[in-house]
Amino acid sequence: MDAKFDQLKTLLRGCGRTLVAYSGGVDSTFLAKVTMDTLGEQMLAVIADTPSLPRRELTQALALAEQFHIPVRIIKTNEMADARYTNNPAERCYFCKSELFGKLVALAQAEGWQTIVYGENASDSSDFRPGAQAAAECGARAPLREVGLTKAEIRALSKKLGLPTADKPQMACLSSRIPYGEPVTVETLAKIEAAENVLRDADFRDVRVRHHGDMARIEVGREEMPRFFRNGLRESVVEALKKLGYRYVTLDLRGFRSGSSNEVLTKKKGKVS
């Protein structure tokens, strides 16, 4: 692990002036911190303000950057204006990341940044990630994957660096809560965000609210599931989600599963054409 860390710093030193695609998650925070430590003023973290990013995540990401003196800039992305994205195909992430990295390429060209990096790691190849294709097409690099750092190693190194994201739960954009083929709208994303805030305010750590029309399918960590039925919590959650407009509220007995929306895919997709 330490050898990979040294390789990462060597790789970054060769990147010149570098833009880091930043979200405040485990991987992008670690990458931004190491890039800043390595390149100093020759780096800039860039975060996209989009309806699919929970407001709490945006606020926390900016506070984290300030805490660790990471220079950060907010940009607006317009994937919600692209019907290829809002129609929500299995390749939805491709169109989102094409928009993001396209904006980063334009920024790099306008201001003389030499390299764009993002936080894909060596563990990510096990899931369906069309966004990686978009990144590659825009020339973005994935240094964590290039040096072979896994998610577990990144968490361990983050702890050594004093990053509070070392044990942060996995997070994906709010659009991932909507089944493929169902439209992505600003209103639906806001509804999902509010529903998940109900669970997070109740101190659930691993949370997803999967949106199925007028039904909310809740995923929480299996070890957290028994608490759902204590002290009237179940009733209060149901009432809160019904106030948000859900007619039916269910608890998925399989528990939290990152990327569970991809379970409907019979096989990994190829390149997007």
C-alpha atoms as a PDB file:
ATOM      1  CA  MET A   1       0.000   0.000   0.000  1.00  0.00           C
ATOM      2  CA  ASP A   2       2.766   2.462   0.889  1.00  0.00           C
ATOM      3  CA  ALA A   3       4.553   1.657  -2.370  1.00  0.00           C
ATOM      4  CA  LYS A   4       1.365   2.450  -4.298  1.00  0.00           C
ATOM      5  CA  PHE A   5       1.058   5.715  -2.389  1.00  0.00           C
ATOM      6  CA  ASP A   6       4.572   6.676  -3.427  1.00  0.00           C
ATOM      7  CA  GLN A   7       3.747   5.739  -7.033  1.00  0.00           C
ATOM      8  CA  LEU A   8       0.662   7.951  -6.851  1.00  0.00           C
ATOM      9  CA  LYS A   9       2.672  10.985  -5.776  1.00  0.00           C
ATOM     10  CA  THR A  10       5.233  10.327  -8.514  1.00  0.00           C
ATOM     11  CA  LEU A  11       2.450  10.072 -11.095  1.00  0.00           C
ATOM     12  CA  LEU A  12       0.878  13.320  -9.914  1.00  0.00           C
ATOM     13  CA  ARG A  13       4.188  15.172 -10.026  1.00  0.00           C
ATOM     14  CA  GLY A  14       4.280  14.379 -13.746  1.00  0.00           C
ATOM     15  CA  CYS A  15       0.806  15.775 -14.388  1.00  0.00           C
ATOM     16  CA  GLY A  16       1.709  19.449 -14.284  1.00  0.00           C
ATOM     17  CA  ARG A  17      -1.145  21.887 -13.580  1.00  0.00           C
ATOM     18  CA  THR A  18      -4.006  19.599 -12.633  1.00  0.00           C
ATOM     19  CA  LEU A  19      -7.787  19.777 -12.278  1.00  0.00           C
ATOM     20  CA  VAL A  20      -9.319  17.272  -9.855  1.00  0.00           C
ATOM     21  CA  ALA A  21     -12.950  16.238 -10.349  1.00  0.00           C
ATOM     22  CA  TYR A  22     -14.171  16.554  -6.769  1.00  0.00           C
ATOM     23  CA  SER A  23     -17.352  15.414  -5.018  1.00  0.00           C
ATOM     24  CA  GLY A  24     -16.436  15.158  -1.341  1.00  0.00           C
ATOM     25  CA  GLY A  25     -16.581  11.367  -1.405  1.00  0.00           C
ATOM     26  CA  VAL A  26     -13.924   8.980  -0.151  1.00  0.00           C
ATOM     27  CA  ASP A  27     -11.948   8.702  -3.377  1.00  0.00           C
ATOM     28  CA  SER A  28     -12.125  12.245  -4.729  1.00  0.00           C
ATOM     29  CA  THR A  29     -11.308  13.766  -1.334  1.00  0.00           C
ATOM     30  CA  PHE A  30      -8.259  11.543  -0.935  1.00  0.00           C
ATOM     31  CA  LEU A  31      -7.135  12.315  -4.484  1.00  0.00           C
ATOM     32  CA  ALA A  32      -7.655  16.058  -4.009  1.00  0.00           C
ATOM     33  CA  LYS A  33      -5.703  16.052  -0.741  1.00  0.00           C
ATOM     34  CA  VAL A  34      -2.759  14.106  -2.155  1.00  0.00           C
ATOM     35  CA  THR A  35      -2.746  16.225  -5.321  1.00  0.00           C
ATOM     36  CA  MET A  36      -2.683  19.409  -3.249  1.00  0.00           C
ATOM     37  CA  ASP A  37       0.083  18.055  -1.008  1.00  0.00           C
ATOM     38  CA  THR A  38       2.061  17.109  -4.105  1.00  0.00           C
ATOM     39  CA  LEU A  39       1.410  20.028  -6.473  1.00  0.00           C
ATOM     40  CA  GLY A  40       0.405  22.886  -4.195  1.00  0.00           C
ATOM     41  CA  GLU A  41      -0.909  25.854  -6.177  1.00  0.00           C
ATOM     42  CA  GLN A  42      -0.639  23.850  -9.376  1.00  0.00           C
ATOM     43  CA  MET A  43      -3.939  22.058  -8.614  1.00  0.00           C
ATOM     44  CA  LEU A  44      -7.626  22.985  -8.423  1.00  0.00           C
ATOM     45  CA  ALA A  45     -10.524  20.837  -7.234  1.00  0.00           C
ATOM     46  CA  VAL A  46     -13.731  21.316  -9.219  1.00  0.00           C
ATOM     47  CA  ILE A  47     -17.172  20.281  -7.968  1.00  0.00           C
ATOM     48  CA  ALA A  48     -20.325  20.226 -10.101  1.00  0.00           C
ATOM     49  CA  ASP A  49     -23.447  21.765  -8.610  1.00  0.00           C
ATOM     50  CA  THR A  50     -26.249  19.636 -10.025  1.00  0.00           C
ATOM     51  CA  PRO A  51     -29.741  18.571  -8.857  1.00  0.00           C
ATOM     52  CA  SER A  52     -28.476  14.988  -8.524  1.00  0.00           C
ATOM     53  CA  LEU A  53     -25.984  16.034  -5.813  1.00  0.00           C
ATOM     54  CA  PRO A  54     -27.641  16.294  -2.364  1.00  0.00           C
ATOM     55  CA  ARG A  55     -27.353  19.759  -0.858  1.00  0.00           C
ATOM     56  CA  ARG A  56     -25.827  18.284   2.290  1.00  0.00           C
ATOM     57  CA  GLU A  57     -23.122  16.613   0.222  1.00  0.00           C
ATOM     58  CA  LEU A  58     -22.282  19.871  -1.544  1.00  0.00           C
ATOM     59  CA  THR A  59     -22.112  21.781   1.741  1.00  0.00           C
ATOM     60  CA  GLN A  60     -19.974  19.120   3.400  1.00  0.00           C
ATOM     61  CA  ALA A  61     -17.641  18.864   0.391  1.00  0.00           C
ATOM     62  CA  LEU A  62     -17.008  22.620   0.435  1.00  0.00           C
ATOM     63  CA  ALA A  63     -16.460  22.619   4.204  1.00  0.00           C
ATOM     64  CA  LEU A  64     -14.019  19.726   3.876  1.00  0.00           C
ATOM     65  CA  ALA A  65     -12.054  21.531   1.172  1.00  0.00           C
ATOM     66  CA  GLU A  66     -11.866  24.618   3.376  1.00  0.00           C
ATOM     67  CA  GLN A  67     -10.754  22.559   6.384  1.00  0.00           C
ATOM     68  CA  PHE A  68      -7.843  21.048   4.463  1.00  0.00           C
ATOM     69  CA  HIS A  69      -7.052  24.208   2.455  1.00  0.00           C
ATOM     70  CA  ILE A  70      -7.882  22.551  -0.853  1.00  0.00           C
ATOM     71  CA  PRO A  71      -8.663  25.174  -3.506  1.00  0.00           C
ATOM     72  CA  VAL A  72     -12.083  24.408  -4.958  1.00  0.00           C
ATOM     73  CA  ARG A  73     -14.333  25.885  -7.609  1.00  0.00           C
ATOM     74  CA  ILE A  74     -18.036  25.227  -8.187  1.00  0.00           C
ATOM     75  CA  ILE A  75     -19.260  24.812 -11.754  1.00  0.00           C
ATOM     76  CA  LYS A  76     -22.749  24.253 -13.124  1.00  0.00           C
ATOM     77  CA  THR A  77     -23.471  21.286 -15.371  1.00  0.00           C
ATOM     78  CA  ASN A  78     -26.493  20.943 -17.659  1.00  0.00           C
ATOM     79  CA  GLU A  79     -27.152  17.216 -17.950  1.00  0.00           C
ATOM     80  CA  MET A  80     -30.795  17.823 -16.981  1.00  0.00           C
ATOM     81  CA  ALA A  81     -31.225  19.576 -20.341  1.00  0.00           C
ATOM     82  CA  ASP A  82     -30.105  16.415 -22.186  1.00  0.00           C
ATOM     83  CA  ALA A  83     -32.969  14.015 -22.936  1.00  0.00           C
ATOM     84  CA  ARG A  84     -30.446  11.196 -23.325  1.00  0.00           C
ATOM     85  CA  TYR A  85     -29.759  11.638 -19.604  1.00  0.00           C
ATOM     86  CA  THR A  86     -33.253  12.392 -18.319  1.00  0.00           C
ATOM     87  CA  ASN A  87     -34.731   9.437 -20.234  1.00  0.00           C
ATOM     88  CA  ASN A  88     -32.626   7.371 -17.818  1.00  0.00           C
ATOM     89  CA  PRO A  89     -31.129   4.599 -19.941  1.00  0.00           C
ATOM     90  CA  ALA A  90     -28.661   2.119 -18.460  1.00  0.00           C
ATOM     91  CA  GLU A  91     -25.914   4.373 -19.865  1.00  0.00           C
ATOM     92  CA  ARG A  92     -27.270   7.443 -18.032  1.00  0.00           C
ATOM     93  CA  CYS A  93     -23.972   7.983 -16.193  1.00  0.00           C
ATOM     94  CA  TYR A  94     -22.154   8.251 -19.523  1.00  0.00           C
ATOM     95  CA  PHE A  95     -24.133  11.332 -20.529  1.00  0.00           C
ATOM     96  CA  CYS A  96     -23.713  12.914 -17.090  1.00  0.00           C
ATOM     97  CA  LYS A  97     -19.964  12.394 -17.062  1.00  0.00           C
ATOM     98  CA  SER A  98     -19.659  13.527 -20.693  1.00  0.00           C
ATOM     99  CA  GLU A  99     -21.206  16.818 -19.613  1.00  0.00           C
ATOM    100  CA  LEU A 100     -18.952  17.085 -16.552  1.00  0.00           C
ATOM    101  CA  PHE A 101     -15.685  16.212 -18.242  1.00  0.00           C
ATOM    102  CA  GLY A 102     -16.604  18.321 -21.272  1.00  0.00           C
ATOM    103  CA  LYS A 103     -16.877  21.302 -18.934  1.00  0.00           C
ATOM    104  CA  LEU A 104     -13.544  20.392 -17.330  1.00  0.00           C
ATOM    105  CA  VAL A 105     -11.856  20.152 -20.732  1.00  0.00           C
ATOM    106  CA  ALA A 106     -13.168  23.608 -21.636  1.00  0.00           C
ATOM    107  CA  LEU A 107     -11.913  24.986 -18.325  1.00  0.00           C
ATOM    108  CA  ALA A 108      -8.518  23.375 -18.811  1.00  0.00           C
ATOM    109  CA  GLN A 109      -8.179  24.836 -22.301  1.00  0.00           C
ATOM    110  CA  ALA A 110      -9.267  28.300 -21.164  1.00  0.00           C
ATOM    111  CA  GLU A 111      -6.923  28.474 -18.165  1.00  0.00           C
ATOM    112  CA  GLY A 112      -3.960  26.314 -19.161  1.00  0.00           C
ATOM    113  CA  TRP A 113      -4.536  23.290 -16.938  1.00  0.00           C
ATOM    114  CA  GLN A 114      -2.562  20.350 -18.296  1.00  0.00           C
ATOM    115  CA  THR A 115      -4.244  17.284 -16.777  1.00  0.00           C
ATOM    116  CA  ILE A 116      -7.702  16.282 -15.542  1.00  0.00           C
ATOM    117  CA  VAL A 117      -7.909  13.533 -12.919  1.00  0.00           C
ATOM    118  CA  TYR A 118     -10.794  11.832 -11.167  1.00  0.00           C
ATOM    119  CA  GLY A 119     -11.264   9.315  -8.361  1.00  0.00           C
ATOM    120  CA  GLU A 120     -11.945   5.955  -9.977  1.00  0.00           C
ATOM    121  CA  ASN A 121     -10.039   3.269  -8.045  1.00  0.00           C
ATOM    122  CA  ALA A 122      -8.881  -0.279  -8.690  1.00  0.00           C
ATOM    123  CA  SER A 123     -11.989  -1.748  -7.024  1.00  0.00           C
ATOM    124  CA  ASP A 124     -14.414   0.032  -9.340  1.00  0.00           C
ATOM    125  CA  SER A 125     -13.980  -2.278 -12.314  1.00  0.00           C
ATOM    126  CA  SER A 126     -16.333  -4.815 -10.697  1.00  0.00           C
ATOM    127  CA  ASP A 127     -19.418  -2.656 -11.365  1.00  0.00           C
ATOM    128  CA  PHE A 128     -21.045  -1.258 -14.491  1.00  0.00           C
ATOM    129  CA  ARG A 129     -19.536   2.228 -14.901  1.00  0.00           C
ATOM    130  CA  PRO A 130     -20.247   3.860 -18.259  1.00  0.00           C
ATOM    131  CA  GLY A 131     -18.984   7.140 -16.819  1.00  0.00           C
ATOM    132  CA  ALA A 132     -15.440   5.777 -17.065  1.00  0.00           C
ATOM    133  CA  GLN A 133     -15.828   5.657 -20.845  1.00  0.00           C
ATOM    134  CA  ALA A 134     -16.822   9.320 -20.910  1.00  0.00           C
ATOM    135  CA  ALA A 135     -13.813  10.214 -18.784  1.00  0.00           C
ATOM    136  CA  ALA A 136     -11.464   8.323 -21.096  1.00  0.00           C
ATOM    137  CA  GLU A 137     -12.942   9.973 -24.184  1.00  0.00           C
ATOM    138  CA  CYS A 138     -12.225  13.387 -22.646  1.00  0.00           C
ATOM    139  CA  GLY A 139      -8.667  12.406 -21.773  1.00  0.00           C
ATOM    140  CA  ALA A 140      -9.189  12.361 -18.001  1.00  0.00           C
ATOM    141  CA  ARG A 141      -6.907  10.118 -15.963  1.00  0.00           C
ATOM    142  CA  ALA A 142      -7.698   7.897 -12.983  1.00  0.00           C
ATOM    143  CA  PRO A 143      -4.453   7.911 -10.947  1.00  0.00           C
ATOM    144  CA  LEU A 144      -5.850   5.780  -8.111  1.00  0.00           C
ATOM    145  CA  ARG A 145      -6.732   3.026 -10.551  1.00  0.00           C
ATOM    146  CA  GLU A 146      -3.491   3.454 -12.482  1.00  0.00           C
ATOM    147  CA  VAL A 147      -1.376   2.703  -9.400  1.00  0.00           C
ATOM    148  CA  GLY A 148      -3.710  -0.105  -8.268  1.00  0.00           C
ATOM    149  CA  LEU A 149      -5.121   1.466  -5.092  1.00  0.00           C
ATOM    150  CA  THR A 150      -8.242  -0.343  -3.879  1.00  0.00           C
ATOM    151  CA  LYS A 151     -11.125   1.162  -1.926  1.00  0.00           C
ATOM    152  CA  ALA A 152      -9.919  -0.440   1.303  1.00  0.00           C
ATOM    153  CA  GLU A 153      -6.408   0.933   0.792  1.00  0.00           C
ATOM    154  CA  ILE A 154      -7.747   4.407   0.054  1.00  0.00           C
ATOM    155  CA  ARG A 155      -9.752   4.335   3.274  1.00  0.00           C
ATOM    156  CA  ALA A 156      -6.676   3.226   5.220  1.00  0.00           C
ATOM    157  CA  LEU A 157      -4.490   5.941   3.679  1.00  0.00           C
ATOM    158  CA  SER A 158      -7.227   8.533   4.228  1.00  0.00           C
ATOM    159  CA  LYS A 159      -7.183   7.651   7.906  1.00  0.00           C
ATOM    160  CA  LYS A 160      -3.416   8.192   8.020  1.00  0.00           C
ATOM    161  CA  LEU A 161      -3.929  11.606   6.445  1.00  0.00           C
ATOM    162  CA  GLY A 162      -6.574  12.509   9.016  1.00  0.00           C
ATOM    163  CA  LEU A 163      -9.381  12.734   6.477  1.00  0.00           C
ATOM    164  CA  PRO A 164     -12.862  12.327   8.013  1.00  0.00           C
ATOM    165  CA  THR A 165     -13.970  10.626   4.791  1.00  0.00           C
ATOM    166  CA  ALA A 166     -11.902   7.546   5.731  1.00  0.00           C
ATOM    167  CA  ASP A 167     -15.031   5.816   7.011  1.00  0.00           C
ATOM    168  CA  LYS A 168     -17.637   7.769   5.045  1.00  0.00           C
ATOM    169  CA  PRO A 169     -20.443   5.593   3.604  1.00  0.00           C
ATOM    170  CA  GLN A 170     -20.517   5.074  -0.137  1.00  0.00           C
ATOM    171  CA  MET A 171     -22.500   7.690  -1.995  1.00  0.00           C
ATOM    172  CA  ALA A 172     -23.886   7.794  -5.518  1.00  0.00           C
ATOM    173  CA  CYS A 173     -25.867  10.500  -7.278  1.00  0.00           C
ATOM    174  CA  LEU A 174     -29.583  10.761  -6.546  1.00  0.00           C
ATOM    175  CA  SER A 175     -30.461   9.725 -10.102  1.00  0.00           C
ATOM    176  CA  SER A 176     -29.202   6.232  -9.280  1.00  0.00           C
ATOM    177  CA  ARG A 177     -32.263   5.779  -7.043  1.00  0.00           C
ATOM    178  CA  ILE A 178     -34.597   5.875 -10.063  1.00  0.00           C
ATOM    179  CA  PRO A 179     -35.092   2.624 -12.030  1.00  0.00           C
ATOM    180  CA  TYR A 180     -33.672   2.647 -15.541  1.00  0.00           C
ATOM    181  CA  GLY A 181     -36.280   3.779 -18.048  1.00  0.00           C
ATOM    182  CA  GLU A 182     -38.129   5.985 -15.577  1.00  0.00           C
ATOM    183  CA  PRO A 183     -37.570   9.713 -16.240  1.00  0.00           C
ATOM    184  CA  VAL A 184     -35.201  11.769 -14.122  1.00  0.00           C
ATOM    185  CA  THR A 185     -36.758  15.076 -13.066  1.00  0.00           C
ATOM    186  CA  VAL A 186     -35.685  17.819 -10.688  1.00  0.00           C
ATOM    187  CA  GLU A 187     -38.850  17.228  -8.663  1.00  0.00           C
ATOM    188  CA  THR A 188     -38.179  13.516  -8.256  1.00  0.00           C
ATOM    189  CA  LEU A 189     -34.567  14.110  -7.250  1.00  0.00           C
ATOM    190  CA  ALA A 190     -35.660  16.618  -4.596  1.00  0.00           C
ATOM    191  CA  LYS A 191     -38.234  14.135  -3.279  1.00  0.00           C
ATOM    192  CA  ILE A 192     -35.633  11.371  -2.996  1.00  0.00           C
ATOM    193  CA  GLU A 193     -33.194  13.723  -1.279  1.00  0.00           C
ATOM    194  CA  ALA A 194     -35.810  14.765   1.278  1.00  0.00           C
ATOM    195  CA  ALA A 195     -36.722  11.122   1.923  1.00  0.00           C
ATOM    196  CA  GLU A 196     -33.105  10.123   2.491  1.00  0.00           C
ATOM    197  CA  ASN A 197     -32.635  13.089   4.818  1.00  0.00           C
ATOM    198  CA  VAL A 198     -35.407  11.629   6.997  1.00  0.00           C
ATOM    199  CA  LEU A 199     -33.362   8.434   7.397  1.00  0.00           C
ATOM    200  CA  ARG A 200     -30.055  10.255   7.899  1.00  0.00           C
ATOM    201  CA  ASP A 201     -31.625  12.517  10.506  1.00  0.00           C
ATOM    202  CA  ALA A 202     -32.577   9.299  12.315  1.00  0.00           C
ATOM    203  CA  ASP A 203     -28.840   8.401  12.324  1.00  0.00           C
ATOM    204  CA  PHE A 204     -28.952   5.631   9.722  1.00  0.00           C
ATOM    205  CA  ARG A 205     -25.513   5.349   8.153  1.00  0.00           C
ATOM    206  CA  ASP A 206     -25.981   3.405   4.907  1.00  0.00           C
ATOM    207  CA  VAL A 207     -29.128   4.726   3.256  1.00  0.00           C
ATOM    208  CA  ARG A 208     -30.834   4.551  -0.109  1.00  0.00           C
ATOM    209  CA  VAL A 209     -34.437   5.418  -0.906  1.00  0.00           C
ATOM    210  CA  ARG A 210     -35.217   3.728  -4.209  1.00  0.00           C
ATOM    211  CA  HIS A 211     -37.974   5.586  -6.041  1.00  0.00           C
ATOM    212  CA  HIS A 212     -40.691   3.461  -7.680  1.00  0.00           C
ATOM    213  CA  GLY A 213     -43.393   5.956  -8.614  1.00  0.00           C
ATOM    214  CA  ASP A 214     -45.625   6.329  -5.554  1.00  0.00           C
ATOM    215  CA  MET A 215     -43.623   3.708  -3.621  1.00  0.00           C
ATOM    216  CA  ALA A 216     -40.409   4.315  -1.670  1.00  0.00           C
ATOM    217  CA  ARG A 217     -38.203   1.228  -1.195  1.00  0.00           C
ATOM    218  CA  ILE A 218     -35.834   1.872   1.693  1.00  0.00           C
ATOM    219  CA  GLU A 219     -32.423   0.235   1.939  1.00  0.00           C
ATOM    220  CA  VAL A 220     -30.463   0.510   5.185  1.00  0.00           C
ATOM    221  CA  GLY A 221     -27.470  -1.469   6.416  1.00  0.00           C
ATOM    222  CA  ARG A 222     -28.410  -4.953   7.599  1.00  0.00           C
ATOM    223  CA  GLU A 223     -26.938  -4.349  11.027  1.00  0.00           C
ATOM    224  CA  GLU A 224     -29.057  -1.197  11.278  1.00  0.00           C
ATOM    225  CA  MET A 225     -32.298  -2.867  10.241  1.00  0.00           C
ATOM    226  CA  PRO A 226     -33.479  -4.026  13.707  1.00  0.00           C
ATOM    227  CA  ARG A 227     -33.408  -0.432  14.978  1.00  0.00           C
ATOM    228  CA  PHE A 228     -35.930   0.475  12.318  1.00  0.00           C
ATOM    229  CA  PHE A 229     -38.612  -1.329  14.340  1.00  0.00           C
ATOM    230  CA  ARG A 230     -37.824   0.181  17.754  1.00  0.00           C
ATOM    231  CA  ASN A 231     -39.240   3.152  19.645  1.00  0.00           C
ATOM    232  CA  GLY A 232     -41.805   4.060  17.016  1.00  0.00           C
ATOM    233  CA  LEU A 233     -39.144   4.825  14.380  1.00  0.00           C
ATOM    234  CA  ARG A 234     -40.872   2.803  11.666  1.00  0.00           C
ATOM    235  CA  GLU A 235     -44.106   4.730  12.135  1.00  0.00           C
ATOM    236  CA  SER A 236     -42.401   8.129  12.112  1.00  0.00           C
ATOM    237  CA  VAL A 237     -40.435   7.314   8.934  1.00  0.00           C
ATOM    238  CA  VAL A 238     -43.568   6.090   7.164  1.00  0.00           C
ATOM    239  CA  GLU A 239     -45.464   9.224   8.153  1.00  0.00           C
ATOM    240  CA  ALA A 240     -42.636  11.508   7.007  1.00  0.00           C
ATOM    241  CA  LEU A 241     -42.294   9.824   3.618  1.00  0.00           C
ATOM    242  CA  LYS A 242     -46.038   9.863   3.064  1.00  0.00           C
ATOM    243  CA  LYS A 243     -45.990  13.607   3.662  1.00  0.00           C
ATOM    244  CA  LEU A 244     -43.444  13.822   0.848  1.00  0.00           C
ATOM    245  CA  GLY A 245     -45.956  12.172  -1.479  1.00  0.00           C
ATOM    246  CA  TYR A 246     -45.178   8.466  -1.290  1.00  0.00           C
ATOM    247  CA  ARG A 247     -48.292   6.322  -0.973  1.00  0.00           C
ATOM    248  CA  TYR A 248     -46.418   3.141  -0.088  1.00  0.00           C
ATOM    249  CA  VAL A 249     -43.257   2.821   2.024  1.00  0.00           C
ATOM    250  CA  THR A 250     -41.366  -0.486   2.099  1.00  0.00           C
ATOM    251  CA  LEU A 251     -38.157  -1.753   3.696  1.00  0.00           C
ATOM    252  CA  ASP A 252     -35.963  -3.926   1.473  1.00  0.00           C
ATOM    253  CA  LEU A 253     -35.166  -6.998   3.578  1.00  0.00           C
ATOM    254  CA  ARG A 254     -31.930  -7.585   1.666  1.00  0.00           C
ATOM    255  CA  GLY A 255     -30.590  -4.357   3.122  1.00  0.00           C
ATOM    256  CA  PHE A 256     -28.324  -1.704   1.652  1.00  0.00           C
ATOM    257  CA  ARG A 257     -26.539  -2.721  -1.551  1.00  0.00           C
ATOM    258  CA  SER A 258     -24.420  -0.201  -3.422  1.00  0.00           C
ATOM    259  CA  GLY A 259     -25.360  -0.279  -7.101  1.00  0.00           C
ATOM    260  CA  SER A 260     -28.452  -2.416  -6.554  1.00  0.00           C
ATOM    261  CA  SER A 261     -30.159  -0.641  -9.452  1.00  0.00           C
ATOM    262  CA  ASN A 262     -27.724  -2.465 -11.731  1.00  0.00           C
ATOM    263  CA  GLU A 263     -29.081  -5.850 -10.608  1.00  0.00           C
ATOM    264  CA  VAL A 264     -31.686  -5.603 -13.358  1.00  0.00           C
ATOM    265  CA  LEU A 265     -28.984  -5.562 -16.017  1.00  0.00           C
ATOM    266  CA  THR A 266     -28.446  -8.994 -17.511  1.00  0.00           C
ATOM    267  CA  LYS A 267     -24.901  -8.200 -18.538  1.00  0.00           C
ATOM    268  CA  LYS A 268     -22.503  -5.323 -18.634  1.00  0.00           C
ATOM    269  CA  LYS A 269     -23.072  -2.929 -21.477  1.00  0.00           C
ATOM    270  CA  GLY A 270     -20.442  -2.243 -24.080  1.00  0.00           C
ATOM    271  CA  LYS A 271     -19.347   1.150 -25.288  1.00  0.00           C
ATOM    272  CA  VAL A 272     -21.986   3.810 -25.780  1.00  0.00           C
ATOM    273  CA  SER A 273     -22.458   4.710 -29.404  1.00  0.00           C
END
